[in-house]
Amino acid sequence: MEIKEIVSYFLNHETNILEVSFKTISDNYDLLRNDIIDYNVVLDYGFNLVPNQFDFFSESVNEDVFEIENTDLDEAELIAFLNEYYMVNPKLLPKPEFY
């Protein structure tokens, strides 16, 4: 089992949950796998998917005005994490679904 493609992902900073949709090399073109993973698990495996972000705003700016809708993750790192995670925990690999 190897991850072939990340279809979509979303990291919820409030709940620290990573939602990811992906395909493995054994999946047909019309199949998709979806999983929800606690981001602390990602960190426990030694991966940091969030690239370094620079704060261009001064401290005096009200941060509540600027909301980050979706953080861009390092997709190569995400694929590496998922491959390792499912290799160690093969029973956690989600079943493929038609989309």
PDB file of N, CA and C in Angstrom:
ATOM      1  N   MET A   1       0.854  -1.171   0.000  1.00  0.00           N
ATOM      2  CA  MET A   1       0.000   0.000   0.000  1.00  0.00           C
ATOM      3  C   MET A   1       0.898   1.230   0.000  1.00  0.00           C
ATOM      4  N   GLU A   2       0.643   2.097  -0.943  1.00  0.00           N
ATOM      5  CA  GLU A   2       1.383   3.353  -1.025  1.00  0.00           C
ATOM      6  C   GLU A   2       0.427   4.443  -1.478  1.00  0.00           C
ATOM      7  N   ILE A   3       0.555   5.604  -0.871  1.00  0.00           N
ATOM      8  CA  ILE A   3      -0.282   6.740  -1.250  1.00  0.00           C
ATOM      9  C   ILE A   3       0.202   7.260  -2.592  1.00  0.00           C
ATOM     10  N   LYS A   4      -0.722   7.383  -3.523  1.00  0.00           N
ATOM     11  CA  LYS A   4      -0.395   7.862  -4.863  1.00  0.00           C
ATOM     12  C   LYS A   4      -0.689   9.342  -5.019  1.00  0.00           C
ATOM     13  N   GLU A   5      -1.779   9.806  -4.394  1.00  0.00           N
ATOM     14  CA  GLU A   5      -2.230  11.177  -4.635  1.00  0.00           C
ATOM     15  C   GLU A   5      -3.030  11.696  -3.447  1.00  0.00           C
ATOM     16  N   ILE A   6      -2.767  12.940  -3.068  1.00  0.00           N
ATOM     17  CA  ILE A   6      -3.592  13.643  -2.086  1.00  0.00           C
ATOM     18  C   ILE A   6      -4.652  14.401  -2.879  1.00  0.00           C
ATOM     19  N   VAL A   7      -5.915  14.122  -2.611  1.00  0.00           N
ATOM     20  CA  VAL A   7      -7.003  14.793  -3.324  1.00  0.00           C
ATOM     21  C   VAL A   7      -7.356  16.094  -2.620  1.00  0.00           C
ATOM     22  N   SER A   8      -7.486  16.041  -1.294  1.00  0.00           N
ATOM     23  CA  SER A   8      -7.779  17.253  -0.525  1.00  0.00           C
ATOM     24  C   SER A   8      -7.355  17.039   0.923  1.00  0.00           C
ATOM     25  N   TYR A   9      -7.185  18.165   1.612  1.00  0.00           N
ATOM     26  CA  TYR A   9      -6.862  18.107   3.032  1.00  0.00           C
ATOM     27  C   TYR A   9      -7.335  19.389   3.693  1.00  0.00           C
ATOM     28  N   PHE A  10      -7.549  19.304   4.995  1.00  0.00           N
ATOM     29  CA  PHE A  10      -7.923  20.472   5.783  1.00  0.00           C
ATOM     30  C   PHE A  10      -7.436  20.258   7.205  1.00  0.00           C
ATOM     31  N   LEU A  11      -6.699  21.229   7.723  1.00  0.00           N
ATOM     32  CA  LEU A  11      -6.227  21.183   9.098  1.00  0.00           C
ATOM     33  C   LEU A  11      -7.018  22.196   9.899  1.00  0.00           C
ATOM     34  N   ASN A  12      -7.821  21.709  10.840  1.00  0.00           N
ATOM     35  CA  ASN A  12      -8.606  22.575  11.708  1.00  0.00           C
ATOM     36  C   ASN A  12      -7.736  22.924  12.914  1.00  0.00           C
ATOM     37  N   HIS A  13      -7.343  24.195  12.996  1.00  0.00           N
ATOM     38  CA  HIS A  13      -6.444  24.618  14.076  1.00  0.00           C
ATOM     39  C   HIS A  13      -7.127  24.635  15.433  1.00  0.00           C
ATOM     40  N   GLU A  14      -8.432  24.833  15.462  1.00  0.00           N
ATOM     41  CA  GLU A  14      -9.145  24.882  16.740  1.00  0.00           C
ATOM     42  C   GLU A  14      -9.238  23.508  17.392  1.00  0.00           C
ATOM     43  N   THR A  15      -9.528  22.487  16.593  1.00  0.00           N
ATOM     44  CA  THR A  15      -9.679  21.137  17.133  1.00  0.00           C
ATOM     45  C   THR A  15      -8.419  20.290  16.950  1.00  0.00           C
ATOM     46  N   ASN A  16      -7.447  20.792  16.185  1.00  0.00           N
ATOM     47  CA  ASN A  16      -6.201  20.089  15.902  1.00  0.00           C
ATOM     48  C   ASN A  16      -6.456  18.764  15.172  1.00  0.00           C
ATOM     49  N   ILE A  17      -7.414  18.806  14.245  1.00  0.00           N
ATOM     50  CA  ILE A  17      -7.792  17.626  13.476  1.00  0.00           C
ATOM     51  C   ILE A  17      -7.414  17.824  12.008  1.00  0.00           C
ATOM     52  N   LEU A  18      -6.823  16.795  11.423  1.00  0.00           N
ATOM     53  CA  LEU A  18      -6.465  16.787  10.010  1.00  0.00           C
ATOM     54  C   LEU A  18      -7.460  15.900   9.271  1.00  0.00           C
ATOM     55  N   GLU A  19      -8.143  16.467   8.293  1.00  0.00           N
ATOM     56  CA  GLU A  19      -9.034  15.703   7.428  1.00  0.00           C
ATOM     57  C   GLU A  19      -8.329  15.564   6.084  1.00  0.00           C
ATOM     58  N   VAL A  20      -8.227  14.344   5.585  1.00  0.00           N
ATOM     59  CA  VAL A  20      -7.491  14.120   4.345  1.00  0.00           C
ATOM     60  C   VAL A  20      -8.231  13.121   3.466  1.00  0.00           C
ATOM     61  N   SER A  21      -8.212  13.387   2.163  1.00  0.00           N
ATOM     62  CA  SER A  21      -8.753  12.473   1.149  1.00  0.00           C
ATOM     63  C   SER A  21      -7.603  12.120   0.221  1.00  0.00           C
ATOM     64  N   PHE A  22      -7.474  10.836  -0.098  1.00  0.00           N
ATOM     65  CA  PHE A  22      -6.324  10.406  -0.890  1.00  0.00           C
ATOM     66  C   PHE A  22      -6.647   9.136  -1.672  1.00  0.00           C
ATOM     67  N   LYS A  23      -5.712   8.797  -2.562  1.00  0.00           N
ATOM     68  CA  LYS A  23      -5.799   7.564  -3.342  1.00  0.00           C
ATOM     69  C   LYS A  23      -4.507   6.783  -3.147  1.00  0.00           C
ATOM     70  N   THR A  24      -4.635   5.452  -3.125  1.00  0.00           N
ATOM     71  CA  THR A  24      -3.456   4.601  -3.080  1.00  0.00           C
ATOM     72  C   THR A  24      -3.177   4.083  -4.485  1.00  0.00           C
ATOM     73  N   ILE A  25      -2.008   3.492  -4.663  1.00  0.00           N
ATOM     74  CA  ILE A  25      -1.672   3.000  -5.996  1.00  0.00           C
ATOM     75  C   ILE A  25      -2.567   1.842  -6.424  1.00  0.00           C
ATOM     76  N   SER A  26      -3.216   1.189  -5.475  1.00  0.00           N
ATOM     77  CA  SER A  26      -4.089   0.064  -5.821  1.00  0.00           C
ATOM     78  C   SER A  26      -5.541   0.494  -6.074  1.00  0.00           C
ATOM     79  N   ASP A  27      -5.865   1.773  -5.844  1.00  0.00           N
ATOM     80  CA  ASP A  27      -7.240   2.253  -6.023  1.00  0.00           C
ATOM     81  C   ASP A  27      -7.529   2.578  -7.488  1.00  0.00           C
ATOM     82  N   ASN A  28      -8.737   2.246  -7.913  1.00  0.00           N
ATOM     83  CA  ASN A  28      -9.187   2.639  -9.244  1.00  0.00           C
ATOM     84  C   ASN A  28      -9.398   4.141  -9.285  1.00  0.00           C
ATOM     85  N   TYR A  29      -9.548   4.688 -10.478  1.00  0.00           N
ATOM     86  CA  TYR A  29      -9.682   6.140 -10.641  1.00  0.00           C
ATOM     87  C   TYR A  29     -10.923   6.702  -9.963  1.00  0.00           C
ATOM     88  N   ASP A  30     -11.961   5.883  -9.764  1.00  0.00           N
ATOM     89  CA  ASP A  30     -13.214   6.377  -9.196  1.00  0.00           C
ATOM     90  C   ASP A  30     -13.344   6.099  -7.690  1.00  0.00           C
ATOM     91  N   LEU A  31     -12.248   5.694  -7.051  1.00  0.00           N
ATOM     92  CA  LEU A  31     -12.267   5.416  -5.617  1.00  0.00           C
ATOM     93  C   LEU A  31     -11.463   6.473  -4.864  1.00  0.00           C
ATOM     94  N   LEU A  32     -11.872   6.705  -3.637  1.00  0.00           N
ATOM     95  CA  LEU A  32     -11.257   7.716  -2.791  1.00  0.00           C
ATOM     96  C   LEU A  32     -11.288   7.218  -1.349  1.00  0.00           C
ATOM     97  N   ARG A  33     -10.263   7.545  -0.590  1.00  0.00           N
ATOM     98  CA  ARG A  33     -10.217   7.189   0.830  1.00  0.00           C
ATOM     99  C   ARG A  33     -10.215   8.478   1.647  1.00  0.00           C
ATOM    100  N   ASN A  34     -10.991   8.502   2.712  1.00  0.00           N
ATOM    101  CA  ASN A  34     -11.100   9.668   3.587  1.00  0.00           C
ATOM    102  C   ASN A  34     -10.736   9.256   5.002  1.00  0.00           C
ATOM    103  N   ASP A  35      -9.975  10.125   5.676  1.00  0.00           N
ATOM    104  CA  ASP A  35      -9.616   9.828   7.048  1.00  0.00           C
ATOM    105  C   ASP A  35      -9.553  11.124   7.851  1.00  0.00           C
ATOM    106  N   ILE A  36      -9.749  10.982   9.144  1.00  0.00           N
ATOM    107  CA  ILE A  36      -9.639  12.082  10.098  1.00  0.00           C
ATOM    108  C   ILE A  36      -8.604  11.654  11.128  1.00  0.00           C
ATOM    109  N   ILE A  37      -7.545  12.473  11.261  1.00  0.00           N
ATOM    110  CA  ILE A  37      -6.419  12.116  12.126  1.00  0.00           C
ATOM    111  C   ILE A  37      -6.131  13.281  13.062  1.00  0.00           C
ATOM    112  N   ASP A  38      -5.908  12.966  14.318  1.00  0.00           N
ATOM    113  CA  ASP A  38      -5.500  13.987  15.285  1.00  0.00           C
ATOM    114  C   ASP A  38      -4.095  14.456  14.894  1.00  0.00           C
ATOM    115  N   TYR A  39      -3.898  15.763  14.757  1.00  0.00           N
ATOM    116  CA  TYR A  39      -2.606  16.288  14.312  1.00  0.00           C
ATOM    117  C   TYR A  39      -1.490  15.966  15.307  1.00  0.00           C
ATOM    118  N   ASN A  40      -1.816  15.715  16.564  1.00  0.00           N
ATOM    119  CA  ASN A  40      -0.797  15.316  17.537  1.00  0.00           C
ATOM    120  C   ASN A  40      -0.144  13.996  17.141  1.00  0.00           C
ATOM    121  N   VAL A  41      -0.892  13.121  16.458  1.00  0.00           N
ATOM    122  CA  VAL A  41      -0.334  11.860  15.967  1.00  0.00           C
ATOM    123  C   VAL A  41       0.735  12.164  14.924  1.00  0.00           C
ATOM    124  N   VAL A  42       0.461  13.133  14.055  1.00  0.00           N
ATOM    125  CA  VAL A  42       1.436  13.537  13.031  1.00  0.00           C
ATOM    126  C   VAL A  42       2.723  13.984  13.716  1.00  0.00           C
ATOM    127  N   LEU A  43       2.590  14.813  14.740  1.00  0.00           N
ATOM    128  CA  LEU A  43       3.761  15.308  15.460  1.00  0.00           C
ATOM    129  C   LEU A  43       4.475  14.177  16.195  1.00  0.00           C
ATOM    130  N   ASP A  44       3.719  13.224  16.741  1.00  0.00           N
ATOM    131  CA  ASP A  44       4.318  12.077  17.434  1.00  0.00           C
ATOM    132  C   ASP A  44       5.174  11.239  16.493  1.00  0.00           C
ATOM    133  N   TYR A  45       4.798  11.188  15.221  1.00  0.00           N
ATOM    134  CA  TYR A  45       5.559  10.450  14.218  1.00  0.00           C
ATOM    135  C   TYR A  45       6.767  11.243  13.726  1.00  0.00           C
ATOM    136  N   GLY A  46       6.922  12.471  14.202  1.00  0.00           N
ATOM    137  CA  GLY A  46       8.084  13.276  13.844  1.00  0.00           C
ATOM    138  C   GLY A  46       7.912  14.126  12.601  1.00  0.00           C
ATOM    139  N   PHE A  47       6.690  14.294  12.145  1.00  0.00           N
ATOM    140  CA  PHE A  47       6.427  15.099  10.951  1.00  0.00           C
ATOM    141  C   PHE A  47       5.847  16.447  11.356  1.00  0.00           C
ATOM    142  N   ASN A  48       6.206  17.483  10.623  1.00  0.00           N
ATOM    143  CA  ASN A  48       5.601  18.798  10.773  1.00  0.00           C
ATOM    144  C   ASN A  48       5.136  19.221   9.390  1.00  0.00           C
ATOM    145  N   LEU A  49       3.850  19.118   9.149  1.00  0.00           N
ATOM    146  CA  LEU A  49       3.294  19.360   7.819  1.00  0.00           C
ATOM    147  C   LEU A  49       3.092  20.832   7.514  1.00  0.00           C
ATOM    148  N   VAL A  50       3.104  21.670   8.549  1.00  0.00           N
ATOM    149  CA  VAL A  50       2.865  23.098   8.356  1.00  0.00           C
ATOM    150  C   VAL A  50       4.210  23.774   8.119  1.00  0.00           C
ATOM    151  N   PRO A  51       4.419  24.299   6.906  1.00  0.00           N
ATOM    152  CA  PRO A  51       5.693  24.980   6.648  1.00  0.00           C
ATOM    153  C   PRO A  51       5.820  26.232   7.500  1.00  0.00           C
ATOM    154  N   ASN A  52       7.032  26.675   7.691  1.00  0.00           N
ATOM    155  CA  ASN A  52       7.261  27.894   8.472  1.00  0.00           C
ATOM    156  C   ASN A  52       6.525  29.056   7.834  1.00  0.00           C
ATOM    157  N   GLN A  53       5.776  29.772   8.658  1.00  0.00           N
ATOM    158  CA  GLN A  53       5.026  30.921   8.174  1.00  0.00           C
ATOM    159  C   GLN A  53       5.602  32.170   8.819  1.00  0.00           C
ATOM    160  N   PHE A  54       5.710  33.200   8.033  1.00  0.00           N
ATOM    161  CA  PHE A  54       6.255  34.452   8.531  1.00  0.00           C
ATOM    162  C   PHE A  54       5.116  35.367   8.916  1.00  0.00           C
ATOM    163  N   ASP A  55       5.266  36.035  10.045  1.00  0.00           N
ATOM    164  CA  ASP A  55       4.251  36.959  10.534  1.00  0.00           C
ATOM    165  C   ASP A  55       4.574  38.353  10.014  1.00  0.00           C
ATOM    166  N   PHE A  56       3.835  38.785   8.991  1.00  0.00           N
ATOM    167  CA  PHE A  56       4.072  40.080   8.387  1.00  0.00           C
ATOM    168  C   PHE A  56       3.320  41.197   9.102  1.00  0.00           C
ATOM    169  N   PHE A  57       2.490  40.850  10.056  1.00  0.00           N
ATOM    170  CA  PHE A  57       1.696  41.844  10.760  1.00  0.00           C
ATOM    171  C   PHE A  57       2.382  42.198  12.072  1.00  0.00           C
ATOM    172  N   SER A  58       2.269  43.443  12.444  1.00  0.00           N
ATOM    173  CA  SER A  58       2.857  43.842  13.723  1.00  0.00           C
ATOM    174  C   SER A  58       1.995  43.320  14.860  1.00  0.00           C
ATOM    175  N   GLU A  59       2.534  43.372  16.064  1.00  0.00           N
ATOM    176  CA  GLU A  59       1.801  42.864  17.227  1.00  0.00           C
ATOM    177  C   GLU A  59       0.576  43.694  17.543  1.00  0.00           C
ATOM    178  N   SER A  60       0.536  44.932  17.055  1.00  0.00           N
ATOM    179  CA  SER A  60      -0.588  45.806  17.376  1.00  0.00           C
ATOM    180  C   SER A  60      -1.833  45.499  16.550  1.00  0.00           C
ATOM    181  N   VAL A  61      -1.709  44.661  15.515  1.00  0.00           N
ATOM    182  CA  VAL A  61      -2.851  44.320  14.670  1.00  0.00           C
ATOM    183  C   VAL A  61      -3.718  43.309  15.399  1.00  0.00           C
ATOM    184  N   ASN A  62      -5.014  43.515  15.366  1.00  0.00           N
ATOM    185  CA  ASN A  62      -5.950  42.586  15.991  1.00  0.00           C
ATOM    186  C   ASN A  62      -5.980  41.304  15.160  1.00  0.00           C
ATOM    187  N   GLU A  63      -5.496  40.207  15.727  1.00  0.00           N
ATOM    188  CA  GLU A  63      -5.390  38.956  14.979  1.00  0.00           C
ATOM    189  C   GLU A  63      -6.741  38.325  14.692  1.00  0.00           C
ATOM    190  N   ASP A  64      -7.782  38.709  15.412  1.00  0.00           N
ATOM    191  CA  ASP A  64      -9.106  38.139  15.166  1.00  0.00           C
ATOM    192  C   ASP A  64      -9.662  38.560  13.813  1.00  0.00           C
ATOM    193  N   VAL A  65      -9.142  39.639  13.266  1.00  0.00           N
ATOM    194  CA  VAL A  65      -9.630  40.128  11.973  1.00  0.00           C
ATOM    195  C   VAL A  65      -9.176  39.209  10.848  1.00  0.00           C
ATOM    196  N   PHE A  66      -8.010  38.600  11.008  1.00  0.00           N
ATOM    197  CA  PHE A  66      -7.442  37.763   9.960  1.00  0.00           C
ATOM    198  C   PHE A  66      -7.606  36.299  10.338  1.00  0.00           C
ATOM    199  N   GLU A  67      -8.462  35.594   9.632  1.00  0.00           N
ATOM    200  CA  GLU A  67      -8.651  34.168   9.882  1.00  0.00           C
ATOM    201  C   GLU A  67      -8.023  33.381   8.754  1.00  0.00           C
ATOM    202  N   ILE A  68      -7.320  32.334   9.099  1.00  0.00           N
ATOM    203  CA  ILE A  68      -6.743  31.459   8.092  1.00  0.00           C
ATOM    204  C   ILE A  68      -7.767  30.383   7.788  1.00  0.00           C
ATOM    205  N   GLU A  69      -8.249  30.363   6.541  1.00  0.00           N
ATOM    206  CA  GLU A  69      -9.273  29.381   6.183  1.00  0.00           C
ATOM    207  C   GLU A  69      -8.684  27.984   6.055  1.00  0.00           C
ATOM    208  N   ASN A  70      -7.581  27.870   5.332  1.00  0.00           N
ATOM    209  CA  ASN A  70      -6.959  26.569   5.162  1.00  0.00           C
ATOM    210  C   ASN A  70      -5.458  26.768   5.077  1.00  0.00           C
ATOM    211  N   THR A  71      -4.733  26.084   5.899  1.00  0.00           N
ATOM    212  CA  THR A  71      -3.285  26.172   5.894  1.00  0.00           C
ATOM    213  C   THR A  71      -2.754  25.278   4.789  1.00  0.00           C
ATOM    214  N   ASP A  72      -1.832  25.820   3.995  1.00  0.00           N
ATOM    215  CA  ASP A  72      -1.181  24.993   2.988  1.00  0.00           C
ATOM    216  C   ASP A  72      -0.191  24.084   3.682  1.00  0.00           C
ATOM    217  N   LEU A  73      -0.348  22.798   3.457  1.00  0.00           N
ATOM    218  CA  LEU A  73       0.530  21.813   4.059  1.00  0.00           C
ATOM    219  C   LEU A  73       1.556  21.359   3.035  1.00  0.00           C
ATOM    220  N   ASP A  74       2.651  20.828   3.512  1.00  0.00           N
ATOM    221  CA  ASP A  74       3.675  20.248   2.654  1.00  0.00           C
ATOM    222  C   ASP A  74       3.153  18.877   2.201  1.00  0.00           C
ATOM    223  N   GLU A  75       2.711  18.795   0.949  1.00  0.00           N
ATOM    224  CA  GLU A  75       2.068  17.561   0.470  1.00  0.00           C
ATOM    225  C   GLU A  75       3.032  16.386   0.410  1.00  0.00           C
ATOM    226  N   ALA A  76       4.304  16.632   0.113  1.00  0.00           N
ATOM    227  CA  ALA A  76       5.284  15.540   0.096  1.00  0.00           C
ATOM    228  C   ALA A  76       5.446  14.960   1.504  1.00  0.00           C
ATOM    229  N   GLU A  77       5.480  15.832   2.508  1.00  0.00           N
ATOM    230  CA  GLU A  77       5.560  15.379   3.902  1.00  0.00           C
ATOM    231  C   GLU A  77       4.280  14.657   4.316  1.00  0.00           C
ATOM    232  N   LEU A  78       3.141  15.150   3.842  1.00  0.00           N
ATOM    233  CA  LEU A  78       1.860  14.519   4.153  1.00  0.00           C
ATOM    234  C   LEU A  78       1.807  13.107   3.590  1.00  0.00           C
ATOM    235  N   ILE A  79       2.259  12.935   2.364  1.00  0.00           N
ATOM    236  CA  ILE A  79       2.293  11.599   1.757  1.00  0.00           C
ATOM    237  C   ILE A  79       3.251  10.699   2.530  1.00  0.00           C
ATOM    238  N   ALA A  80       4.419  11.222   2.906  1.00  0.00           N
ATOM    239  CA  ALA A  80       5.395  10.431   3.672  1.00  0.00           C
ATOM    240  C   ALA A  80       4.801  10.016   5.013  1.00  0.00           C
ATOM    241  N   PHE A  81       4.124  10.953   5.688  1.00  0.00           N
ATOM    242  CA  PHE A  81       3.497  10.615   6.969  1.00  0.00           C
ATOM    243  C   PHE A  81       2.446   9.531   6.790  1.00  0.00           C
ATOM    244  N   LEU A  82       1.533   9.714   5.820  1.00  0.00           N
ATOM    245  CA  LEU A  82       0.455   8.742   5.628  1.00  0.00           C
ATOM    246  C   LEU A  82       1.003   7.362   5.294  1.00  0.00           C
ATOM    247  N   ASN A  83       2.029   7.294   4.456  1.00  0.00           N
ATOM    248  CA  ASN A  83       2.634   6.000   4.130  1.00  0.00           C
ATOM    249  C   ASN A  83       3.189   5.319   5.375  1.00  0.00           C
ATOM    250  N   GLU A  84       3.883   6.073   6.211  1.00  0.00           N
ATOM    251  CA  GLU A  84       4.433   5.494   7.435  1.00  0.00           C
ATOM    252  C   GLU A  84       3.323   5.125   8.420  1.00  0.00           C
ATOM    253  N   TYR A  85       2.354   6.016   8.581  1.00  0.00           N
ATOM    254  CA  TYR A  85       1.253   5.806   9.522  1.00  0.00           C
ATOM    255  C   TYR A  85       0.478   4.529   9.188  1.00  0.00           C
ATOM    256  N   TYR A  86       0.146   4.339   7.909  1.00  0.00           N
ATOM    257  CA  TYR A  86      -0.629   3.158   7.526  1.00  0.00           C
ATOM    258  C   TYR A  86       0.235   1.902   7.428  1.00  0.00           C
ATOM    259  N   MET A  87       1.543   2.055   7.260  1.00  0.00           N
ATOM    260  CA  MET A  87       2.423   0.896   7.278  1.00  0.00           C
ATOM    261  C   MET A  87       2.503   0.349   8.713  1.00  0.00           C
ATOM    262  N   VAL A  88       2.578   1.257   9.697  1.00  0.00           N
ATOM    263  CA  VAL A  88       2.632   0.847  11.102  1.00  0.00           C
ATOM    264  C   VAL A  88       1.260   0.389  11.591  1.00  0.00           C
ATOM    265  N   ASN A  89       0.195   1.024  11.079  1.00  0.00           N
ATOM    266  CA  ASN A  89      -1.185   0.735  11.517  1.00  0.00           C
ATOM    267  C   ASN A  89      -2.051   0.332  10.314  1.00  0.00           C
ATOM    268  N   PRO A  90      -1.822  -0.816   9.722  1.00  0.00           N
ATOM    269  CA  PRO A  90      -2.569  -1.174   8.505  1.00  0.00           C
ATOM    270  C   PRO A  90      -4.079  -1.310   8.718  1.00  0.00           C
ATOM    271  N   LYS A  91      -4.490  -1.612   9.939  1.00  0.00           N
ATOM    272  CA  LYS A  91      -5.931  -1.749  10.198  1.00  0.00           C
ATOM    273  C   LYS A  91      -6.639  -0.401  10.222  1.00  0.00           C
ATOM    274  N   LEU A  92      -5.895   0.698  10.312  1.00  0.00           N
ATOM    275  CA  LEU A  92      -6.493   2.034  10.326  1.00  0.00           C
ATOM    276  C   LEU A  92      -6.694   2.606   8.925  1.00  0.00           C
ATOM    277  N   LEU A  93      -6.178   1.919   7.905  1.00  0.00           N
ATOM    278  CA  LEU A  93      -6.353   2.392   6.528  1.00  0.00           C
ATOM    279  C   LEU A  93      -7.840   2.388   6.176  1.00  0.00           C
ATOM    280  N   PRO A  94      -8.377   3.555   5.800  1.00  0.00           N
ATOM    281  CA  PRO A  94      -9.809   3.605   5.481  1.00  0.00           C
ATOM    282  C   PRO A  94     -10.133   2.805   4.221  1.00  0.00           C
ATOM    283  N   LYS A  95     -11.332   2.293   4.191  1.00  0.00           N
ATOM    284  CA  LYS A  95     -11.816   1.570   3.014  1.00  0.00           C
ATOM    285  C   LYS A  95     -12.050   2.545   1.880  1.00  0.00           C
ATOM    286  N   PRO A  96     -11.815   2.130   0.648  1.00  0.00           N
ATOM    287  CA  PRO A  96     -12.081   3.021  -0.492  1.00  0.00           C
ATOM    288  C   PRO A  96     -13.574   3.192  -0.698  1.00  0.00           C
ATOM    289  N   GLU A  97     -13.942   4.406  -1.122  1.00  0.00           N
ATOM    290  CA  GLU A  97     -15.349   4.734  -1.389  1.00  0.00           C
ATOM    291  C   GLU A  97     -15.457   5.321  -2.793  1.00  0.00           C
ATOM    292  N   PHE A  98     -16.588   5.126  -3.411  1.00  0.00           N
ATOM    293  CA  PHE A  98     -16.839   5.758  -4.700  1.00  0.00           C
ATOM    294  C   PHE A  98     -17.106   7.241  -4.469  1.00  0.00           C
ATOM    295  N   TYR A  99     -16.639   8.077  -5.358  1.00  0.00           N
ATOM    296  CA  TYR A  99     -16.932   9.501  -5.245  1.00  0.00           C
ATOM    297  C   TYR A  99     -17.541  10.034  -6.502  1.00  0.00           C
TER     298      TYR A  99
END
